Amino acid sequence: RRTSLAQLPDTRGRDATSLSGFENLTTGYNKYLRPHFGGEPVQIAMSLDIASISSISESDMDYTATIYLRQHWTDPRLVFHGNQSFTLDARLVELLWVPDTYIVESKRSFLHEVTVGNRLIRLFSNGTILYALRITTTVACNMDLSKYPMDTQTCRLQLESWGYDENDVTFTWLRGNDSVQGMEKLRLSQYTVERYYTLVSKSQQETGSYPRLILQFELRRNVLYFILETYIPSTLLVMLSWVSFWITLDSVPARTCIGVTTVLSMTTLMIGSRSSLSKTNCFIKAIDVYLGICFNFVFGALVEYAVAHYSSSQKCAAKAPPEGPASELAKEMEEVNITNILNSSIASYKRKISFTSIEISSDNINCSDLTMKTHEKIKFVLRNKMHRIINYFTIQNPSNVDHYSKLLFPLFFMLVNVLYWAYYLYF
């Protein structure tokens, strides 16, 4: 289909333009053939305006952006006399050759159509064409969430030719890094744009080598929201669990209530933090590590009271004298033990006296008796060592457990916090 721009009359019945030579501009023009067909590649210069980045999804690992894509190239077949430029109706795009640029890793994209298709065609006298589009696209972005929410993500917007390889077209940025505008003005809810830069690359495919332009930008997450939402409440819950150390061991309901309440509250915080990123549970995130640390401290405070209370009850039971038939039986046992001790002492004393008056000979020595005595000594030594080990781990004074916990729990928690923040902020 061949058309001429001079065939578009205005309301006055005159030609749309009266420039010399413009009336035959598209005569013999073939939109299916690129400029310089069969010769040198067409050089296409691009520039971008980032209007907005509406959403960044960690669960889907993508971002949605609205961009203004501008492409410049020169077509010698559209040269006309003069030094003016003309903005043409966007529907005339169907009559011209345009590059087959597409967005790499795009999941969903659409061209805005309100009130008409948001496209721009501008023709310059030297044959240069400006083709601009307003596009909203959702692009995949591979994210590393191991340091979430203190992470910095690197995302890309890549433009590539679909069908024309590097022998047909070449892509360049119009003004280098200045070809991208609007990144400094972006205001995102959770991120801050750290820096961005442009790259020129090639994509090696099975069908050939294709030109590619890359806009790479770094997004740093704002951690203040998570500090107020998660870190401070979890820290306060850990500190609340330490209140039980100042309550006496006899106040069972008070200390149990504090321990159970803090454990359940920490569980709720952990579930809430993971529900917002339900599809990224494969990552062990920094916030999961901190909540796990806080949960262990809260659970440790509850276990500490259980140990202290059990030791206190055992010690009170050991001090309390038995009553009733058990006490009478104990007294009888004590009397029998005292009598046995006295009789054994008198008998051993008599054996010593008789042993000195008897001449020792090899016939009077019984080797089995000596062996038995050696085994008994070994058993006695082992039994004493076991008792010492058990006594070493036995809590002699249960009140000291709370006394040491008041100091050790806060100090250890502060040390873990220093190591945690140093690692995730500086490494």
Protein backbone atom coordinates (compact mmCIF):
# COMPACT_ATOMS: atom_id res chain seq x y z
CA ARG A 1 0.00 0.00 0.00
CA ARG A 2 1.48 3.32 -1.01
CA THR A 3 0.26 6.67 0.20
CA SER A 4 1.41 10.25 -0.03
CA LEU A 5 1.39 12.74 2.81
CA ALA A 6 0.16 15.32 0.27
CA GLN A 7 -3.11 13.42 -0.04
CA LEU A 8 -4.22 14.59 3.46
CA PRO A 9 -6.34 17.77 2.80
CA ASP A 10 -7.13 20.25 5.54
CA THR A 11 -10.51 21.93 6.18
CA ARG A 12 -9.70 24.74 3.76
CA GLY A 13 -9.26 22.35 0.85
CA ARG A 14 -5.52 23.03 0.65
CA ASP A 15 -2.73 20.48 0.89
CA ALA A 16 -1.48 19.70 4.36
CA THR A 17 1.95 21.06 3.40
CA SER A 18 3.28 23.14 0.59
CA LEU A 19 6.97 22.48 0.97
CA SER A 20 8.81 21.88 -2.24
CA GLY A 21 9.19 18.17 -2.91
CA PHE A 22 7.11 17.10 0.11
CA GLU A 23 4.15 16.06 -2.00
CA ASN A 24 6.10 13.11 -3.46
CA LEU A 25 7.79 12.16 -0.19
CA THR A 26 6.35 8.67 0.15
CA THR A 27 6.22 7.77 -3.47
CA GLY A 28 7.74 4.33 -3.87
CA TYR A 29 8.20 4.00 -0.09
CA ASN A 30 8.15 0.39 1.16
CA LYS A 31 7.51 0.12 4.87
CA TYR A 32 8.52 -3.55 4.90
CA LEU A 33 12.14 -2.74 4.07
CA ARG A 34 14.42 -1.04 6.55
CA PRO A 35 16.45 2.03 5.64
CA HIS A 36 19.72 1.17 3.85
CA PHE A 37 18.27 -2.23 3.05
CA GLY A 38 21.08 -4.55 1.97
CA GLY A 39 23.70 -2.07 3.16
CA GLU A 40 24.94 -0.65 6.42
CA PRO A 41 22.89 -1.22 9.60
CA VAL A 42 20.45 1.38 10.83
CA GLN A 43 21.66 3.19 13.92
CA ILE A 44 18.85 3.66 16.43
CA ALA A 45 19.43 6.02 19.34
CA MET A 46 17.15 5.72 22.37
CA SER A 47 16.24 7.71 25.43
CA LEU A 48 13.96 6.98 28.37
CA ASP A 49 11.81 8.92 30.78
CA ILE A 50 10.77 6.96 33.86
CA ALA A 51 7.37 8.40 34.73
CA SER A 52 6.76 6.15 37.74
CA ILE A 53 7.49 2.82 39.36
CA SER A 54 4.12 1.96 40.81
CA SER A 55 4.92 -1.27 42.62
CA ILE A 56 7.79 -3.57 43.50
CA SER A 57 6.74 -7.07 44.47
CA GLU A 58 9.09 -9.29 46.48
CA SER A 59 6.74 -12.25 46.32
CA ASP A 60 6.50 -12.16 42.50
CA MET A 61 10.00 -10.69 42.08
CA ASP A 62 9.06 -8.00 39.60
CA TYR A 63 8.39 -4.29 39.32
CA THR A 64 5.84 -2.26 37.36
CA ALA A 65 6.96 0.94 35.65
CA THR A 66 5.49 3.50 33.28
CA ILE A 67 8.06 4.74 30.79
CA TYR A 68 8.32 7.09 27.82
CA LEU A 69 10.42 5.31 25.19
CA ARG A 70 11.87 7.54 22.47
CA GLN A 71 13.64 6.13 19.41
CA HIS A 72 15.58 8.13 16.82
CA TRP A 73 16.78 6.90 13.45
CA THR A 74 17.41 8.32 9.98
CA ASP A 75 15.60 7.16 6.88
CA PRO A 76 17.08 8.70 3.68
CA ARG A 77 13.84 7.98 1.84
CA LEU A 78 12.04 10.63 3.94
CA VAL A 79 14.39 13.56 3.33
CA PHE A 80 12.69 16.78 2.24
CA HIS A 81 13.74 20.37 1.65
CA GLY A 82 13.76 22.90 4.43
CA ASN A 83 14.81 22.96 8.02
CA GLN A 84 11.48 22.33 9.71
CA SER A 85 10.06 19.34 11.52
CA PHE A 86 6.52 18.01 11.34
CA THR A 87 4.55 16.13 13.97
CA LEU A 88 2.37 13.60 12.18
CA ASP A 89 -0.73 11.77 13.23
CA ALA A 90 0.19 8.68 15.24
CA ARG A 91 -1.90 6.52 12.93
CA LEU A 92 0.64 7.15 10.18
CA VAL A 93 2.97 4.77 12.04
CA GLU A 94 1.31 2.00 10.08
CA LEU A 95 2.68 3.53 6.87
CA LEU A 96 6.30 3.78 8.02
CA TRP A 97 9.05 1.34 8.93
CA VAL A 98 9.69 1.28 12.68
CA PRO A 99 12.14 -0.78 14.77
CA ASP A 100 10.90 -4.00 16.35
CA THR A 101 12.10 -3.09 19.84
CA TYR A 102 10.79 -5.14 22.75
CA ILE A 103 11.34 -5.20 26.53
CA VAL A 104 13.32 -8.19 27.69
CA GLU A 105 11.95 -10.14 30.71
CA SER A 106 8.64 -8.31 30.45
CA LYS A 107 5.72 -10.23 31.98
CA ARG A 108 2.93 -7.86 30.99
CA SER A 109 3.03 -4.68 28.92
CA PHE A 110 0.49 -2.41 27.29
CA LEU A 111 0.43 0.80 25.31
CA HIS A 112 -1.84 3.50 26.71
CA GLU A 113 -4.85 4.16 24.48
CA VAL A 114 -6.66 7.02 26.26
CA THR A 115 -7.82 9.15 24.64
CA VAL A 116 -5.95 7.93 21.58
CA GLY A 117 -2.93 5.70 21.26
CA ASN A 118 -0.10 7.40 23.15
CA ARG A 119 2.35 7.48 20.26
CA LEU A 120 4.29 10.28 18.65
CA ILE A 121 5.77 10.54 15.15
CA ARG A 122 7.92 13.54 14.30
CA LEU A 123 9.66 13.91 10.95
CA PHE A 124 12.73 16.11 10.40
CA SER A 125 13.94 17.45 7.09
CA ASN A 126 17.12 15.35 7.10
CA GLY A 127 15.05 12.16 7.26
CA THR A 128 15.39 11.68 11.03
CA ILE A 129 12.33 10.16 12.69
CA LEU A 130 11.39 10.48 16.35
CA TYR A 131 9.09 7.70 17.49
CA ALA A 132 7.85 7.96 21.10
CA LEU A 133 5.66 5.57 23.09
CA ARG A 134 4.09 5.58 26.53
CA ILE A 135 4.27 2.06 27.94
CA THR A 136 3.40 0.45 31.25
CA THR A 137 5.28 -2.78 31.78
CA THR A 138 5.85 -5.36 34.50
CA VAL A 139 9.42 -6.61 34.36
CA ALA A 140 11.01 -9.49 36.23
CA CYS A 141 13.73 -8.60 38.74
CA ASN A 142 15.77 -11.31 40.43
CA MET A 143 15.99 -10.41 44.10
CA ASP A 144 18.22 -11.66 46.89
CA LEU A 145 16.14 -11.39 50.08
CA SER A 146 18.68 -12.90 52.48
CA LYS A 147 19.24 -9.44 54.03
CA TYR A 148 15.57 -8.37 53.97
CA PRO A 149 14.67 -5.71 55.11
CA MET A 150 18.22 -4.27 54.99
CA ASP A 151 18.72 -5.32 51.39
CA THR A 152 19.66 -3.50 48.22
CA GLN A 153 18.16 -4.86 45.01
CA THR A 154 19.56 -4.41 41.51
CA CYS A 155 16.96 -4.39 38.73
CA ARG A 156 17.22 -3.97 34.99
CA LEU A 157 15.20 -2.60 32.11
CA GLN A 158 16.52 -4.14 28.87
CA LEU A 159 15.60 -3.14 25.33
CA GLU A 160 16.42 -5.44 22.44
CA SER A 161 15.63 -5.92 18.77
CA TRP A 162 13.38 -8.89 18.18
CA GLY A 163 14.04 -9.78 14.56
CA TYR A 164 16.85 -7.56 13.26
CA ASP A 165 20.33 -8.68 14.29
CA GLU A 166 23.40 -6.47 14.58
CA ASN A 167 23.94 -6.65 10.81
CA ASP A 168 20.66 -4.79 10.30
CA VAL A 169 20.34 -2.43 13.29
CA THR A 170 22.55 -1.10 16.06
CA PHE A 171 21.30 0.32 19.35
CA THR A 172 22.92 3.22 21.18
CA TRP A 173 21.95 5.52 24.02
CA LEU A 174 21.26 9.03 22.76
CA ARG A 175 23.24 10.84 25.51
CA GLY A 176 24.83 8.10 27.61
CA ASN A 177 23.63 8.15 31.22
CA ASP A 178 21.79 11.41 30.51
CA SER A 179 19.54 9.48 28.16
CA VAL A 180 17.55 8.34 31.22
CA GLN A 181 15.48 10.97 32.98
CA GLY A 182 13.12 10.88 35.93
CA MET A 183 15.04 8.46 38.18
CA GLU A 184 16.06 11.23 40.58
CA LYS A 185 12.46 12.36 41.01
CA LEU A 186 11.03 8.94 41.86
CA ARG A 187 9.41 8.63 45.29
CA LEU A 188 8.84 5.03 46.31
CA SER A 189 7.13 3.80 49.45
CA GLN A 190 9.77 1.29 50.55
CA TYR A 191 12.80 2.05 48.39
CA THR A 192 15.26 4.77 47.55
CA VAL A 193 17.05 4.86 44.19
CA GLU A 194 20.73 4.65 45.04
CA ARG A 195 22.23 4.96 41.57
CA TYR A 196 21.62 3.98 37.97
CA TYR A 197 23.69 3.63 34.82
CA THR A 198 23.28 2.61 31.20
CA LEU A 199 25.00 -0.20 29.32
CA VAL A 200 25.28 -1.29 25.69
CA SER A 201 25.40 -5.03 25.18
CA LYS A 202 24.63 -7.84 22.78
CA SER A 203 22.38 -10.84 23.14
CA GLN A 204 23.72 -14.00 21.60
CA GLN A 205 20.86 -16.19 20.44
CA GLU A 206 20.66 -19.26 18.26
CA THR A 207 19.36 -17.13 15.40
CA GLY A 208 22.09 -14.50 15.67
CA SER A 209 23.54 -11.69 17.73
CA TYR A 210 21.07 -8.94 18.62
CA PRO A 211 21.76 -5.44 19.98
CA ARG A 212 20.63 -4.71 23.52
CA LEU A 213 20.46 -1.61 25.71
CA ILE A 214 20.40 -1.97 29.50
CA LEU A 215 19.27 0.42 32.19
CA GLN A 216 20.48 -0.90 35.55
CA PHE A 217 19.42 0.71 38.82
CA GLU A 218 19.88 -0.08 42.49
CA LEU A 219 17.05 0.18 45.02
CA ARG A 220 17.82 0.41 48.73
CA ARG A 221 14.98 -0.54 51.05
CA ASN A 222 13.95 1.93 53.74
CA VAL A 223 14.37 0.03 56.98
CA LEU A 224 12.69 2.60 59.26
CA TYR A 225 9.24 1.13 58.66
CA PHE A 226 10.39 -2.32 59.71
CA ILE A 227 12.19 -0.96 62.76
CA LEU A 228 8.95 0.61 63.98
CA GLU A 229 6.78 -2.31 62.87
CA THR A 230 8.82 -5.36 63.89
CA TYR A 231 12.21 -4.73 65.47
CA ILE A 232 11.14 -2.42 68.30
CA PRO A 233 8.07 -4.51 69.33
CA SER A 234 10.10 -7.73 69.36
CA THR A 235 12.85 -6.07 71.42
CA LEU A 236 10.31 -4.75 73.90
CA LEU A 237 8.80 -8.22 74.25
CA VAL A 238 12.23 -9.62 75.10
CA MET A 239 12.69 -6.90 77.73
CA LEU A 240 9.21 -7.64 79.08
CA SER A 241 10.19 -11.26 79.63
CA TRP A 242 13.02 -10.07 81.89
CA VAL A 243 10.51 -8.54 84.31
CA SER A 244 9.85 -12.02 85.66
CA PHE A 245 13.41 -12.13 87.08
CA TRP A 246 12.39 -9.48 89.64
CA ILE A 247 9.32 -11.41 90.77
CA THR A 248 9.72 -13.97 93.57
CA LEU A 249 9.69 -17.66 92.78
CA ASP A 250 6.54 -18.15 94.84
CA SER A 251 4.47 -15.94 92.49
CA VAL A 252 3.70 -18.74 90.07
CA PRO A 253 0.69 -17.14 88.28
CA ALA A 254 2.47 -13.82 87.68
CA ARG A 255 5.67 -15.29 86.26
CA THR A 256 3.85 -17.93 84.21
CA CYS A 257 1.51 -15.32 82.73
CA ILE A 258 4.41 -13.08 81.67
CA GLY A 259 6.31 -15.98 80.10
CA VAL A 260 3.38 -17.43 78.18
CA THR A 261 2.15 -14.00 77.00
CA THR A 262 5.53 -12.99 75.61
CA VAL A 263 5.98 -16.33 73.85
CA LEU A 264 2.57 -16.07 72.18
CA SER A 265 3.16 -12.44 71.19
CA MET A 266 6.49 -13.34 69.59
CA THR A 267 4.81 -16.17 67.70
CA THR A 268 2.22 -13.71 66.34
CA LEU A 269 4.95 -11.32 65.20
CA MET A 270 6.79 -14.12 63.41
CA ILE A 271 3.66 -15.29 61.62
CA GLY A 272 2.77 -11.73 60.59
CA SER A 273 6.22 -11.02 59.16
CA ARG A 274 6.16 -14.18 57.07
CA SER A 275 2.60 -13.80 55.81
CA SER A 276 3.50 -10.63 53.88
CA LEU A 277 6.12 -12.61 51.94
CA SER A 278 4.33 -15.93 51.71
CA LYS A 279 5.93 -16.88 48.38
CA THR A 280 9.51 -16.23 49.50
CA ASN A 281 9.68 -18.57 52.47
CA CYS A 282 12.62 -20.35 50.87
CA PHE A 283 14.78 -17.41 51.92
CA ILE A 284 16.12 -17.18 55.47
CA LYS A 285 15.78 -13.44 55.78
CA ALA A 286 17.48 -11.11 58.22
CA ILE A 287 14.17 -10.30 59.89
CA ASP A 288 13.53 -14.02 60.41
CA VAL A 289 16.91 -14.37 62.11
CA TYR A 290 16.18 -11.48 64.48
CA LEU A 291 12.70 -12.74 65.35
CA GLY A 292 14.17 -16.19 65.95
CA ILE A 293 16.74 -14.69 68.32
CA CYS A 294 14.05 -12.79 70.22
CA PHE A 295 11.85 -15.89 70.41
CA ASN A 296 14.73 -17.92 71.89
CA PHE A 297 15.36 -15.27 74.54
CA VAL A 298 11.68 -15.11 75.47
CA PHE A 299 11.40 -18.88 75.59
CA GLY A 300 14.65 -19.04 77.57
CA ALA A 301 13.20 -16.72 80.22
CA LEU A 302 10.21 -19.05 80.58
CA VAL A 303 12.46 -22.11 80.86
CA GLU A 304 14.61 -20.28 83.42
CA TYR A 305 11.63 -19.88 85.72
CA ALA A 306 10.67 -23.53 85.28
CA VAL A 307 14.20 -24.63 86.31
CA ALA A 308 14.37 -22.20 89.24
CA HIS A 309 10.93 -23.14 90.53
CA TYR A 310 11.61 -26.87 90.24
CA SER A 311 14.92 -26.55 92.10
CA SER A 312 13.28 -24.47 94.81
CA SER A 313 10.48 -27.00 95.32
CA GLN A 314 12.99 -29.87 95.49
CA LYS A 315 15.07 -28.05 98.08
CA CYS A 316 12.02 -27.26 100.21
CA ALA A 317 10.93 -30.90 100.04
CA ALA A 318 14.37 -32.04 101.19
CA LYS A 319 14.36 -29.63 104.16
CA ALA A 320 10.84 -30.47 105.36
CA PRO A 321 10.80 -33.26 108.06
CA PRO A 322 8.57 -36.27 107.25
CA GLU A 323 5.39 -36.70 109.33
CA GLY A 324 3.28 -39.69 110.49
CA PRO A 325 4.35 -43.34 110.08
CA ALA A 326 7.13 -42.31 107.75
CA SER A 327 8.78 -40.28 110.51
CA GLU A 328 8.60 -43.16 113.00
CA LEU A 329 10.11 -45.49 110.43
CA ALA A 330 12.91 -43.00 109.81
CA LYS A 331 13.67 -42.79 113.53
CA GLU A 332 13.81 -46.58 113.81
CA MET A 333 16.12 -46.68 110.79
CA GLU A 334 18.40 -44.13 112.41
CA GLU A 335 18.54 -46.15 115.66
CA VAL A 336 19.33 -49.33 113.74
CA ASN A 337 22.04 -47.55 111.76
CA ILE A 338 23.65 -46.19 114.93
CA THR A 339 23.62 -49.66 116.55
CA ASN A 340 25.15 -51.23 113.45
CA ILE A 341 27.85 -48.59 113.31
CA LEU A 342 28.78 -49.19 117.01
CA ASN A 343 28.85 -52.98 116.60
CA SER A 344 30.97 -52.76 113.43
CA SER A 345 33.41 -50.39 115.13
CA ILE A 346 33.84 -52.74 118.17
CA ALA A 347 34.28 -55.76 115.91
CA SER A 348 36.90 -54.04 113.75
CA TYR A 349 38.77 -52.93 116.87
CA LYS A 350 38.83 -56.50 118.17
CA ARG A 351 40.09 -57.79 114.80
CA LYS A 352 42.94 -55.30 114.86
CA ILE A 353 43.99 -56.46 118.32
CA SER A 354 43.84 -60.14 117.34
CA PHE A 355 45.63 -59.41 114.07
CA THR A 356 48.68 -58.04 115.91
CA SER A 357 48.92 -61.14 118.11
CA ILE A 358 48.80 -63.62 115.24
CA GLU A 359 51.93 -64.36 113.20
CA ILE A 360 51.39 -63.48 109.59
CA SER A 361 52.09 -66.22 107.14
CA SER A 362 51.45 -66.77 103.48
CA ASP A 363 48.86 -69.44 104.32
CA ASN A 364 46.67 -66.92 106.17
CA ILE A 365 46.37 -64.52 103.15
CA ASN A 366 43.26 -64.87 101.02
CA CYS A 367 43.82 -63.38 97.51
CA SER A 368 40.11 -63.31 96.74
CA ASP A 369 39.52 -61.10 99.77
CA LEU A 370 42.18 -58.67 98.53
CA THR A 371 40.64 -58.64 95.06
CA MET A 372 37.21 -57.93 96.46
CA LYS A 373 38.56 -55.09 98.51
CA THR A 374 40.20 -53.59 95.38
CA HIS A 375 36.92 -53.71 93.43
CA GLU A 376 35.12 -52.12 96.31
CA LYS A 377 37.65 -49.31 96.43
CA ILE A 378 37.25 -48.65 92.69
CA LYS A 379 33.48 -48.60 93.01
CA PHE A 380 33.75 -46.26 95.95
CA VAL A 381 35.99 -43.86 94.03
CA LEU A 382 33.71 -43.89 90.96
CA ARG A 383 30.66 -43.37 93.12
CA ASN A 384 32.26 -40.35 94.76
CA LYS A 385 33.18 -38.84 91.40
CA MET A 386 29.64 -39.28 90.08
CA HIS A 387 28.23 -37.63 93.17
CA ARG A 388 30.61 -34.70 92.70
CA ILE A 389 29.59 -34.27 89.07
CA ILE A 390 25.90 -34.40 89.96
CA ASN A 391 26.40 -31.94 92.79
CA TYR A 392 28.30 -29.63 90.42
CA PHE A 393 25.28 -29.38 88.11
CA THR A 394 22.76 -29.29 90.94
CA ILE A 395 21.45 -25.85 91.82
CA GLN A 396 22.32 -25.37 95.45
CA ASN A 397 20.54 -22.01 95.83
CA PRO A 398 17.61 -21.52 93.42
CA SER A 399 17.43 -17.79 94.18
CA ASN A 400 20.81 -17.35 92.50
CA VAL A 401 19.29 -18.38 89.16
CA ASP A 402 17.22 -15.19 89.00
CA HIS A 403 20.17 -13.19 90.33
CA TYR A 404 22.47 -14.31 87.52
CA SER A 405 19.71 -14.12 84.89
CA LYS A 406 19.16 -10.42 85.63
CA LEU A 407 22.69 -9.79 84.44
CA LEU A 408 23.38 -12.49 81.85
CA PHE A 409 20.20 -12.21 79.76
CA PRO A 410 20.54 -8.44 79.00
CA LEU A 411 24.29 -8.64 78.41
CA PHE A 412 24.02 -11.59 76.07
CA PHE A 413 21.10 -9.98 74.21
CA MET A 414 23.10 -6.77 73.70
CA LEU A 415 26.06 -8.77 72.40
CA VAL A 416 23.89 -10.66 69.92
CA ASN A 417 22.36 -7.38 68.71
CA VAL A 418 25.78 -5.86 68.10
CA LEU A 419 26.86 -8.88 66.06
CA TYR A 420 23.55 -8.98 64.18
CA TRP A 421 23.47 -5.34 63.09
CA ALA A 422 27.18 -5.26 62.29
CA TYR A 423 26.89 -8.28 60.03
CA TYR A 424 23.77 -7.25 58.11
CA LEU A 425 24.68 -3.58 57.73
CA TYR A 426 28.37 -3.79 56.90
CA PHE A 427 28.96 -7.25 55.43
